Amino acid sequence: MRRLFLVAAGLALCGCRTDPGRADRRGVDEGYLLGSADAVKQLYWAKQALEAPGGSGPEGRIEYYTWEDSGTTRDGRRLAPETVAVPIFIPAPAPSGAKSP
């Protein structure tokens, strides 16, 4: 009984040990999530600006690089084959009289 009393008194006087780095880590994690969300928003609006009709975007055209994916992964699993298309922006050539930066 005396031992239980000593343990309870020790906890009452000293308290439980908490990890002070845990709060810092939570703040870092929240900052990372906010930063990645901001990067996604910036990418979204940049893409919207490039694809806006009649916008003053850069001169050029978009071509699609396509290929047929076999559906076999590196570890040998078989998946359904699919066609993959990647949009590639090809800028228009600069006029011959333009100066390079």
PDB file of N, CA and C in Angstrom:
ATOM      1  N   MET A   1       0.820  -1.183   0.000  1.00  0.00           N
ATOM      2  CA  MET A   1       0.000   0.000   0.000  1.00  0.00           C
ATOM      3  C   MET A   1       0.869   1.255   0.000  1.00  0.00           C
ATOM      4  N   ARG A   2       1.952   1.165   0.790  1.00  0.00           N
ATOM      5  CA  ARG A   2       2.841   2.316   0.866  1.00  0.00           C
ATOM      6  C   ARG A   2       3.493   2.590  -0.498  1.00  0.00           C
ATOM      7  N   ARG A   3       3.821   1.510  -1.204  1.00  0.00           N
ATOM      8  CA  ARG A   3       4.440   1.662  -2.532  1.00  0.00           C
ATOM      9  C   ARG A   3       3.480   2.365  -3.502  1.00  0.00           C
ATOM     10  N   LEU A   4       2.220   1.992  -3.475  1.00  0.00           N
ATOM     11  CA  LEU A   4       1.215   2.618  -4.340  1.00  0.00           C
ATOM     12  C   LEU A   4       1.084   4.102  -4.009  1.00  0.00           C
ATOM     13  N   PHE A   5       1.120   4.421  -2.725  1.00  0.00           N
ATOM     14  CA  PHE A   5       1.052   5.812  -2.313  1.00  0.00           C
ATOM     15  C   PHE A   5       2.258   6.604  -2.823  1.00  0.00           C
ATOM     16  N   LEU A   6       3.468   6.012  -2.757  1.00  0.00           N
ATOM     17  CA  LEU A   6       4.668   6.691  -3.246  1.00  0.00           C
ATOM     18  C   LEU A   6       4.619   6.933  -4.755  1.00  0.00           C
ATOM     19  N   VAL A   7       4.113   5.955  -5.469  1.00  0.00           N
ATOM     20  CA  VAL A   7       3.995   6.109  -6.935  1.00  0.00           C
ATOM     21  C   VAL A   7       2.990   7.212  -7.256  1.00  0.00           C
ATOM     22  N   ALA A   8       1.844   7.224  -6.584  1.00  0.00           N
ATOM     23  CA  ALA A   8       0.821   8.249  -6.828  1.00  0.00           C
ATOM     24  C   ALA A   8       1.341   9.632  -6.447  1.00  0.00           C
ATOM     25  N   ALA A   9       2.081   9.718  -5.338  1.00  0.00           N
ATOM     26  CA  ALA A   9       2.630  11.004  -4.912  1.00  0.00           C
ATOM     27  C   ALA A   9       3.692  11.483  -5.904  1.00  0.00           C
ATOM     28  N   GLY A  10       4.499  10.561  -6.393  1.00  0.00           N
ATOM     29  CA  GLY A  10       5.519  10.926  -7.375  1.00  0.00           C
ATOM     30  C   GLY A  10       4.908  11.453  -8.661  1.00  0.00           C
ATOM     31  N   LEU A  11       3.858  10.814  -9.122  1.00  0.00           N
ATOM     32  CA  LEU A  11       3.171  11.288 -10.334  1.00  0.00           C
ATOM     33  C   LEU A  11       2.503  12.633 -10.097  1.00  0.00           C
ATOM     34  N   ALA A  12       1.949  12.818  -8.907  1.00  0.00           N
ATOM     35  CA  ALA A  12       1.275  14.080  -8.606  1.00  0.00           C
ATOM     36  C   ALA A  12       2.270  15.233  -8.532  1.00  0.00           C
ATOM     37  N   LEU A  13       3.438  14.980  -7.965  1.00  0.00           N
ATOM     38  CA  LEU A  13       4.425  16.038  -7.831  1.00  0.00           C
ATOM     39  C   LEU A  13       5.167  16.312  -9.138  1.00  0.00           C
ATOM     40  N   CYS A  14       5.526  15.257  -9.870  1.00  0.00           N
ATOM     41  CA  CYS A  14       6.339  15.424 -11.089  1.00  0.00           C
ATOM     42  C   CYS A  14       5.497  15.516 -12.347  1.00  0.00           C
ATOM     43  N   GLY A  15       4.337  14.935 -12.315  1.00  0.00           N
ATOM     44  CA  GLY A  15       3.509  14.925 -13.498  1.00  0.00           C
ATOM     45  C   GLY A  15       3.990  13.874 -14.489  1.00  0.00           C
ATOM     46  N   CYS A  16       3.254  13.674 -15.503  1.00  0.00           N
ATOM     47  CA  CYS A  16       3.650  12.724 -16.541  1.00  0.00           C
ATOM     48  C   CYS A  16       4.571  13.427 -17.515  1.00  0.00           C
ATOM     49  N   ARG A  17       5.526  12.702 -18.012  1.00  0.00           N
ATOM     50  CA  ARG A  17       6.457  13.287 -18.967  1.00  0.00           C
ATOM     51  C   ARG A  17       5.792  13.331 -20.343  1.00  0.00           C
ATOM     52  N   THR A  18       5.743  14.494 -20.921  1.00  0.00           N
ATOM     53  CA  THR A  18       5.195  14.631 -22.261  1.00  0.00           C
ATOM     54  C   THR A  18       6.329  14.913 -23.227  1.00  0.00           C
ATOM     55  N   ASP A  19       6.088  14.621 -24.443  1.00  0.00           N
ATOM     56  CA  ASP A  19       7.104  14.818 -25.478  1.00  0.00           C
ATOM     57  C   ASP A  19       6.976  16.238 -26.025  1.00  0.00           C
ATOM     58  N   PRO A  20       7.929  17.147 -25.711  1.00  0.00           N
ATOM     59  CA  PRO A  20       7.789  18.528 -26.193  1.00  0.00           C
ATOM     60  C   PRO A  20       7.951  18.642 -27.700  1.00  0.00           C
ATOM     61  N   GLY A  21       8.630  17.694 -28.323  1.00  0.00           N
ATOM     62  CA  GLY A  21       8.810  17.757 -29.768  1.00  0.00           C
ATOM     63  C   GLY A  21       7.564  17.397 -30.544  1.00  0.00           C
ATOM     64  N   ARG A  22       6.609  16.768 -29.879  1.00  0.00           N
ATOM     65  CA  ARG A  22       5.394  16.345 -30.564  1.00  0.00           C
ATOM     66  C   ARG A  22       4.600  17.541 -31.084  1.00  0.00           C
ATOM     67  N   ALA A  23       4.476  18.588 -30.277  1.00  0.00           N
ATOM     68  CA  ALA A  23       3.748  19.786 -30.711  1.00  0.00           C
ATOM     69  C   ALA A  23       4.475  20.455 -31.874  1.00  0.00           C
ATOM     70  N   ASP A  24       5.812  20.474 -31.803  1.00  0.00           N
ATOM     71  CA  ASP A  24       6.581  21.051 -32.903  1.00  0.00           C
ATOM     72  C   ASP A  24       6.374  20.239 -34.175  1.00  0.00           C
ATOM     73  N   ARG A  25       6.366  18.924 -34.057  1.00  0.00           N
ATOM     74  CA  ARG A  25       6.192  18.061 -35.230  1.00  0.00           C
ATOM     75  C   ARG A  25       4.812  18.263 -35.838  1.00  0.00           C
ATOM     76  N   ARG A  26       3.795  18.432 -34.992  1.00  0.00           N
ATOM     77  CA  ARG A  26       2.444  18.654 -35.498  1.00  0.00           C
ATOM     78  C   ARG A  26       2.397  19.958 -36.290  1.00  0.00           C
ATOM     79  N   GLY A  27       3.092  20.992 -35.788  1.00  0.00           N
ATOM     80  CA  GLY A  27       3.137  22.265 -36.504  1.00  0.00           C
ATOM     81  C   GLY A  27       3.833  22.138 -37.847  1.00  0.00           C
ATOM     82  N   VAL A  28       4.899  21.341 -37.888  1.00  0.00           N
ATOM     83  CA  VAL A  28       5.606  21.120 -39.149  1.00  0.00           C
ATOM     84  C   VAL A  28       4.710  20.389 -40.134  1.00  0.00           C
ATOM     85  N   ASP A  29       3.998  19.363 -39.647  1.00  0.00           N
ATOM     86  CA  ASP A  29       3.093  18.613 -40.520  1.00  0.00           C
ATOM     87  C   ASP A  29       1.980  19.497 -41.079  1.00  0.00           C
ATOM     88  N   GLU A  30       1.407  20.344 -40.223  1.00  0.00           N
ATOM     89  CA  GLU A  30       0.345  21.238 -40.687  1.00  0.00           C
ATOM     90  C   GLU A  30       0.879  22.243 -41.706  1.00  0.00           C
ATOM     91  N   GLY A  31       2.087  22.750 -41.466  1.00  0.00           N
ATOM     92  CA  GLY A  31       2.701  23.670 -42.423  1.00  0.00           C
ATOM     93  C   GLY A  31       2.968  23.006 -43.756  1.00  0.00           C
ATOM     94  N   TYR A  32       3.408  21.760 -43.717  1.00  0.00           N
ATOM     95  CA  TYR A  32       3.648  21.027 -44.965  1.00  0.00           C
ATOM     96  C   TYR A  32       2.352  20.853 -45.749  1.00  0.00           C
ATOM     97  N   LEU A  33       1.276  20.485 -45.055  1.00  0.00           N
ATOM     98  CA  LEU A  33      -0.002  20.300 -45.735  1.00  0.00           C
ATOM     99  C   LEU A  33      -0.503  21.607 -46.336  1.00  0.00           C
ATOM    100  N   LEU A  34      -0.361  22.701 -45.594  1.00  0.00           N
ATOM    101  CA  LEU A  34      -0.788  23.997 -46.129  1.00  0.00           C
ATOM    102  C   LEU A  34       0.052  24.388 -47.340  1.00  0.00           C
ATOM    103  N   GLY A  35       1.357  24.151 -47.279  1.00  0.00           N
ATOM    104  CA  GLY A  35       2.229  24.489 -48.400  1.00  0.00           C
ATOM    105  C   GLY A  35       1.930  23.665 -49.628  1.00  0.00           C
ATOM    106  N   SER A  36       1.679  22.363 -49.443  1.00  0.00           N
ATOM    107  CA  SER A  36       1.376  21.521 -50.596  1.00  0.00           C
ATOM    108  C   SER A  36       0.020  21.881 -51.183  1.00  0.00           C
ATOM    109  N   ALA A  37      -0.936  22.253 -50.339  1.00  0.00           N
ATOM    110  CA  ALA A  37      -2.238  22.674 -50.855  1.00  0.00           C
ATOM    111  C   ALA A  37      -2.092  23.960 -51.656  1.00  0.00           C
ATOM    112  N   ASP A  38      -1.236  24.885 -51.193  1.00  0.00           N
ATOM    113  CA  ASP A  38      -1.005  26.124 -51.916  1.00  0.00           C
ATOM    114  C   ASP A  38      -0.338  25.843 -53.262  1.00  0.00           C
ATOM    115  N   ALA A  39       0.601  24.910 -53.297  1.00  0.00           N
ATOM    116  CA  ALA A  39       1.273  24.567 -54.552  1.00  0.00           C
ATOM    117  C   ALA A  39       0.285  23.977 -55.553  1.00  0.00           C
ATOM    118  N   VAL A  40      -0.647  23.162 -55.074  1.00  0.00           N
ATOM    119  CA  VAL A  40      -1.663  22.586 -55.960  1.00  0.00           C
ATOM    120  C   VAL A  40      -2.562  23.683 -56.520  1.00  0.00           C
ATOM    121  N   LYS A  41      -2.931  24.637 -55.679  1.00  0.00           N
ATOM    122  CA  LYS A  41      -3.769  25.752 -56.145  1.00  0.00           C
ATOM    123  C   LYS A  41      -3.032  26.588 -57.188  1.00  0.00           C
ATOM    124  N   GLN A  42      -1.753  26.859 -56.960  1.00  0.00           N
ATOM    125  CA  GLN A  42      -0.979  27.637 -57.924  1.00  0.00           C
ATOM    126  C   GLN A  42      -0.875  26.897 -59.255  1.00  0.00           C
ATOM    127  N   LEU A  43      -0.644  25.586 -59.203  1.00  0.00           N
ATOM    128  CA  LEU A  43      -0.569  24.793 -60.428  1.00  0.00           C
ATOM    129  C   LEU A  43      -1.904  24.800 -61.160  1.00  0.00           C
ATOM    130  N   TYR A  44      -2.999  24.697 -60.407  1.00  0.00           N
ATOM    131  CA  TYR A  44      -4.322  24.726 -61.017  1.00  0.00           C
ATOM    132  C   TYR A  44      -4.562  26.034 -61.764  1.00  0.00           C
ATOM    133  N   TRP A  45      -4.273  27.168 -61.111  1.00  0.00           N
ATOM    134  CA  TRP A  45      -4.539  28.452 -61.746  1.00  0.00           C
ATOM    135  C   TRP A  45      -3.580  28.719 -62.900  1.00  0.00           C
ATOM    136  N   ALA A  46      -2.354  28.233 -62.826  1.00  0.00           N
ATOM    137  CA  ALA A  46      -1.436  28.378 -63.953  1.00  0.00           C
ATOM    138  C   ALA A  46      -1.942  27.592 -65.153  1.00  0.00           C
ATOM    139  N   LYS A  47      -2.462  26.394 -64.912  1.00  0.00           N
ATOM    140  CA  LYS A  47      -3.014  25.574 -65.998  1.00  0.00           C
ATOM    141  C   LYS A  47      -4.262  26.231 -66.585  1.00  0.00           C
ATOM    142  N   GLN A  48      -5.095  26.806 -65.716  1.00  0.00           N
ATOM    143  CA  GLN A  48      -6.284  27.496 -66.209  1.00  0.00           C
ATOM    144  C   GLN A  48      -5.901  28.688 -67.080  1.00  0.00           C
ATOM    145  N   ALA A  49      -4.860  29.417 -66.690  1.00  0.00           N
ATOM    146  CA  ALA A  49      -4.427  30.575 -67.470  1.00  0.00           C
ATOM    147  C   ALA A  49      -3.880  30.155 -68.822  1.00  0.00           C
ATOM    148  N   LEU A  50      -3.160  29.020 -68.860  1.00  0.00           N
ATOM    149  CA  LEU A  50      -2.617  28.546 -70.135  1.00  0.00           C
ATOM    150  C   LEU A  50      -3.714  28.077 -71.078  1.00  0.00           C
ATOM    151  N   GLU A  51      -4.768  27.485 -70.520  1.00  0.00           N
ATOM    152  CA  GLU A  51      -5.816  26.916 -71.356  1.00  0.00           C
ATOM    153  C   GLU A  51      -6.990  27.863 -71.583  1.00  0.00           C
ATOM    154  N   ALA A  52      -6.907  29.086 -71.088  1.00  0.00           N
ATOM    155  CA  ALA A  52      -8.003  30.036 -71.245  1.00  0.00           C
ATOM    156  C   ALA A  52      -8.177  30.388 -72.725  1.00  0.00           C
ATOM    157  N   PRO A  53      -9.417  30.389 -73.205  1.00  0.00           N
ATOM    158  CA  PRO A  53      -9.637  30.733 -74.615  1.00  0.00           C
ATOM    159  C   PRO A  53      -9.352  32.212 -74.854  1.00  0.00           C
ATOM    160  N   GLY A  54      -8.618  32.506 -75.905  1.00  0.00           N
ATOM    161  CA  GLY A  54      -8.320  33.884 -76.272  1.00  0.00           C
ATOM    162  C   GLY A  54      -7.416  34.585 -75.280  1.00  0.00           C
ATOM    163  N   GLY A  55      -6.805  33.844 -74.412  1.00  0.00           N
ATOM    164  CA  GLY A  55      -5.919  34.450 -73.420  1.00  0.00           C
ATOM    165  C   GLY A  55      -4.609  34.869 -74.059  1.00  0.00           C
ATOM    166  N   SER A  56      -3.849  35.616 -73.330  1.00  0.00           N
ATOM    167  CA  SER A  56      -2.565  36.074 -73.849  1.00  0.00           C
ATOM    168  C   SER A  56      -1.464  35.118 -73.402  1.00  0.00           C
ATOM    169  N   GLY A  57      -1.694  33.834 -73.598  1.00  0.00           N
ATOM    170  CA  GLY A  57      -0.710  32.822 -73.224  1.00  0.00           C
ATOM    171  C   GLY A  57       0.425  32.790 -74.223  1.00  0.00           C
ATOM    172  N   PRO A  58       1.427  32.005 -73.966  1.00  0.00           N
ATOM    173  CA  PRO A  58       2.556  31.910 -74.879  1.00  0.00           C
ATOM    174  C   PRO A  58       2.134  31.290 -76.209  1.00  0.00           C
ATOM    175  N   GLU A  59       2.813  31.720 -77.263  1.00  0.00           N
ATOM    176  CA  GLU A  59       2.519  31.198 -78.591  1.00  0.00           C
ATOM    177  C   GLU A  59       3.058  29.778 -78.712  1.00  0.00           C
ATOM    178  N   GLY A  60       2.274  28.928 -79.277  1.00  0.00           N
ATOM    179  CA  GLY A  60       2.699  27.552 -79.481  1.00  0.00           C
ATOM    180  C   GLY A  60       1.486  26.647 -79.591  1.00  0.00           C
ATOM    181  N   ARG A  61       1.734  25.376 -79.506  1.00  0.00           N
ATOM    182  CA  ARG A  61       0.651  24.403 -79.618  1.00  0.00           C
ATOM    183  C   ARG A  61       0.879  23.281 -78.604  1.00  0.00           C
ATOM    184  N   ILE A  62      -0.178  22.539 -78.339  1.00  0.00           N
ATOM    185  CA  ILE A  62      -0.091  21.397 -77.438  1.00  0.00           C
ATOM    186  C   ILE A  62      -0.258  20.138 -78.268  1.00  0.00           C
ATOM    187  N   GLU A  63       0.699  19.238 -78.140  1.00  0.00           N
ATOM    188  CA  GLU A  63       0.611  17.929 -78.771  1.00  0.00           C
ATOM    189  C   GLU A  63       0.551  16.886 -77.674  1.00  0.00           C
ATOM    190  N   TYR A  64      -0.022  15.745 -77.986  1.00  0.00           N
ATOM    191  CA  TYR A  64      -0.153  14.681 -77.003  1.00  0.00           C
ATOM    192  C   TYR A  64       0.759  13.521 -77.380  1.00  0.00           C
ATOM    193  N   TYR A  65       1.606  13.129 -76.462  1.00  0.00           N
ATOM    194  CA  TYR A  65       2.466  11.972 -76.623  1.00  0.00           C
ATOM    195  C   TYR A  65       1.704  10.792 -76.032  1.00  0.00           C
ATOM    196  N   THR A  66       1.338   9.828 -76.856  1.00  0.00           N
ATOM    197  CA  THR A  66       0.529   8.709 -76.387  1.00  0.00           C
ATOM    198  C   THR A  66       1.275   7.391 -76.570  1.00  0.00           C
ATOM    199  N   TRP A  67       0.981   6.458 -75.712  1.00  0.00           N
ATOM    200  CA  TRP A  67       1.514   5.102 -75.854  1.00  0.00           C
ATOM    201  C   TRP A  67       0.559   4.138 -75.160  1.00  0.00           C
ATOM    202  N   GLU A  68       0.666   2.889 -75.544  1.00  0.00           N
ATOM    203  CA  GLU A  68      -0.160   1.831 -74.970  1.00  0.00           C
ATOM    204  C   GLU A  68       0.615   1.184 -73.840  1.00  0.00           C
ATOM    205  N   ASP A  69       0.062   1.232 -72.647  1.00  0.00           N
ATOM    206  CA  ASP A  69       0.686   0.615 -71.488  1.00  0.00           C
ATOM    207  C   ASP A  69       0.283  -0.851 -71.470  1.00  0.00           C
ATOM    208  N   SER A  70       1.266  -1.742 -71.354  1.00  0.00           N
ATOM    209  CA  SER A  70       0.999  -3.179 -71.463  1.00  0.00           C
ATOM    210  C   SER A  70       0.174  -3.719 -70.313  1.00  0.00           C
ATOM    211  N   GLY A  71       0.254  -3.100 -69.172  1.00  0.00           N
ATOM    212  CA  GLY A  71      -0.520  -3.570 -68.035  1.00  0.00           C
ATOM    213  C   GLY A  71       0.246  -4.526 -67.148  1.00  0.00           C
ATOM    214  N   THR A  72       1.546  -4.711 -67.388  1.00  0.00           N
ATOM    215  CA  THR A  72       2.366  -5.566 -66.539  1.00  0.00           C
ATOM    216  C   THR A  72       3.256  -4.672 -65.677  1.00  0.00           C
ATOM    217  N   THR A  73       3.191  -4.868 -64.359  1.00  0.00           N
ATOM    218  CA  THR A  73       4.000  -4.069 -63.455  1.00  0.00           C
ATOM    219  C   THR A  73       5.392  -4.676 -63.327  1.00  0.00           C
ATOM    220  N   ARG A  74       6.292  -3.958 -62.653  1.00  0.00           N
ATOM    221  CA  ARG A  74       7.668  -4.444 -62.487  1.00  0.00           C
ATOM    222  C   ARG A  74       7.740  -5.740 -61.704  1.00  0.00           C
ATOM    223  N   ASP A  75       6.808  -5.910 -60.777  1.00  0.00           N
ATOM    224  CA  ASP A  75       6.846  -7.135 -59.978  1.00  0.00           C
ATOM    225  C   ASP A  75       6.060  -8.277 -60.608  1.00  0.00           C
ATOM    226  N   GLY A  76       5.600  -8.100 -61.850  1.00  0.00           N
ATOM    227  CA  GLY A  76       4.975  -9.185 -62.595  1.00  0.00           C
ATOM    228  C   GLY A  76       3.462  -9.251 -62.518  1.00  0.00           C
ATOM    229  N   ARG A  77       2.831  -8.358 -61.782  1.00  0.00           N
ATOM    230  CA  ARG A  77       1.370  -8.378 -61.718  1.00  0.00           C
ATOM    231  C   ARG A  77       0.794  -7.949 -63.058  1.00  0.00           C
ATOM    232  N   ARG A  78      -0.321  -8.552 -63.433  1.00  0.00           N
ATOM    233  CA  ARG A  78      -0.988  -8.211 -64.691  1.00  0.00           C
ATOM    234  C   ARG A  78      -2.164  -7.295 -64.400  1.00  0.00           C
ATOM    235  N   LEU A  79      -2.188  -6.139 -65.061  1.00  0.00           N
ATOM    236  CA  LEU A  79      -3.276  -5.178 -64.929  1.00  0.00           C
ATOM    237  C   LEU A  79      -3.910  -4.985 -66.297  1.00  0.00           C
ATOM    238  N   ALA A  80      -5.034  -4.318 -66.336  1.00  0.00           N
ATOM    239  CA  ALA A  80      -5.694  -4.040 -67.608  1.00  0.00           C
ATOM    240  C   ALA A  80      -4.849  -3.051 -68.405  1.00  0.00           C
ATOM    241  N   PRO A  81      -4.596  -3.322 -69.691  1.00  0.00           N
ATOM    242  CA  PRO A  81      -3.828  -2.360 -70.488  1.00  0.00           C
ATOM    243  C   PRO A  81      -4.624  -1.074 -70.684  1.00  0.00           C
ATOM    244  N   GLU A  82      -3.899   0.023 -70.821  1.00  0.00           N
ATOM    245  CA  GLU A  82      -4.551   1.306 -71.018  1.00  0.00           C
ATOM    246  C   GLU A  82      -3.697   2.194 -71.908  1.00  0.00           C
ATOM    247  N   THR A  83      -4.344   3.180 -72.525  1.00  0.00           N
ATOM    248  CA  THR A  83      -3.636   4.158 -73.334  1.00  0.00           C
ATOM    249  C   THR A  83      -3.340   5.358 -72.461  1.00  0.00           C
ATOM    250  N   VAL A  84      -2.075   5.770 -72.459  1.00  0.00           N
ATOM    251  CA  VAL A  84      -1.633   6.893 -71.648  1.00  0.00           C
ATOM    252  C   VAL A  84      -1.314   8.048 -72.586  1.00  0.00           C
ATOM    253  N   ALA A  85      -1.794   9.252 -72.269  1.00  0.00           N
ATOM    254  CA  ALA A  85      -1.527  10.438 -73.080  1.00  0.00           C
ATOM    255  C   ALA A  85      -0.983  11.541 -72.187  1.00  0.00           C
ATOM    256  N   VAL A  86       0.128  12.129 -72.618  1.00  0.00           N
ATOM    257  CA  VAL A  86       0.760  13.214 -71.863  1.00  0.00           C
ATOM    258  C   VAL A  86       0.763  14.455 -72.743  1.00  0.00           C
ATOM    259  N   PRO A  87       0.140  15.569 -72.290  1.00  0.00           N
ATOM    260  CA  PRO A  87       0.169  16.789 -73.095  1.00  0.00           C
ATOM    261  C   PRO A  87       1.547  17.448 -73.016  1.00  0.00           C
ATOM    262  N   ILE A  88       2.059  17.866 -74.172  1.00  0.00           N
ATOM    263  CA  ILE A  88       3.363  18.525 -74.255  1.00  0.00           C
ATOM    264  C   ILE A  88       3.176  19.833 -75.001  1.00  0.00           C
ATOM    265  N   PHE A  89       3.616  20.936 -74.368  1.00  0.00           N
ATOM    266  CA  PHE A  89       3.518  22.250 -74.982  1.00  0.00           C
ATOM    267  C   PHE A  89       4.752  22.483 -75.843  1.00  0.00           C
ATOM    268  N   ILE A  90       4.531  22.790 -77.115  1.00  0.00           N
ATOM    269  CA  ILE A  90       5.630  23.079 -78.039  1.00  0.00           C
ATOM    270  C   ILE A  90       5.553  24.553 -78.380  1.00  0.00           C
ATOM    271  N   PRO A  91       6.521  25.350 -77.904  1.00  0.00           N
ATOM    272  CA  PRO A  91       6.470  26.793 -78.157  1.00  0.00           C
ATOM    273  C   PRO A  91       6.715  27.106 -79.630  1.00  0.00           C
ATOM    274  N   ALA A  92       6.116  28.199 -80.073  1.00  0.00           N
ATOM    275  CA  ALA A  92       6.323  28.644 -81.451  1.00  0.00           C
ATOM    276  C   ALA A  92       7.744  29.194 -81.574  1.00  0.00           C
ATOM    277  N   PRO A  93       8.367  29.017 -82.736  1.00  0.00           N
ATOM    278  CA  PRO A  93       9.720  29.558 -82.893  1.00  0.00           C
ATOM    279  C   PRO A  93       9.727  31.080 -82.782  1.00  0.00           C
ATOM    280  N   ALA A  94      10.791  31.602 -82.201  1.00  0.00           N
ATOM    281  CA  ALA A  94      10.932  33.048 -82.061  1.00  0.00           C
ATOM    282  C   ALA A  94      11.165  33.680 -83.437  1.00  0.00           C
ATOM    283  N   PRO A  95      10.656  34.881 -83.654  1.00  0.00           N
ATOM    284  CA  PRO A  95      10.918  35.551 -84.927  1.00  0.00           C
ATOM    285  C   PRO A  95      12.427  35.721 -85.139  1.00  0.00           C
ATOM    286  N   SER A  96      12.856  35.695 -86.378  1.00  0.00           N
ATOM    287  CA  SER A  96      14.297  35.739 -86.669  1.00  0.00           C
ATOM    288  C   SER A  96      14.951  37.054 -86.242  1.00  0.00           C
ATOM    289  N   GLY A  97      14.201  38.146 -86.165  1.00  0.00           N
ATOM    290  CA  GLY A  97      14.762  39.429 -85.791  1.00  0.00           C
ATOM    291  C   GLY A  97      14.785  39.679 -84.297  1.00  0.00           C
ATOM    292  N   ALA A  98      14.249  38.741 -83.507  1.00  0.00           N
ATOM    293  CA  ALA A  98      14.181  38.943 -82.053  1.00  0.00           C
ATOM    294  C   ALA A  98      15.532  38.689 -81.411  1.00  0.00           C
ATOM    295  N   LYS A  99      15.811  39.467 -80.378  1.00  0.00           N
ATOM    296  CA  LYS A  99      17.071  39.309 -79.653  1.00  0.00           C
ATOM    297  C   LYS A  99      16.872  38.278 -78.542  1.00  0.00           C
ATOM    298  N   SER A 100      17.864  37.465 -78.313  1.00  0.00           N
ATOM    299  CA  SER A 100      17.815  36.480 -77.235  1.00  0.00           C
ATOM    300  C   SER A 100      18.184  37.165 -75.932  1.00  0.00           C
ATOM    301  N   PRO A 101      17.576  36.717 -74.825  1.00  0.00           N
ATOM    302  CA  PRO A 101      17.901  37.345 -73.535  1.00  0.00           C
ATOM    303  C   PRO A 101      19.287  36.975 -73.060  1.00  0.00           C
TER     304      PRO A 101
END
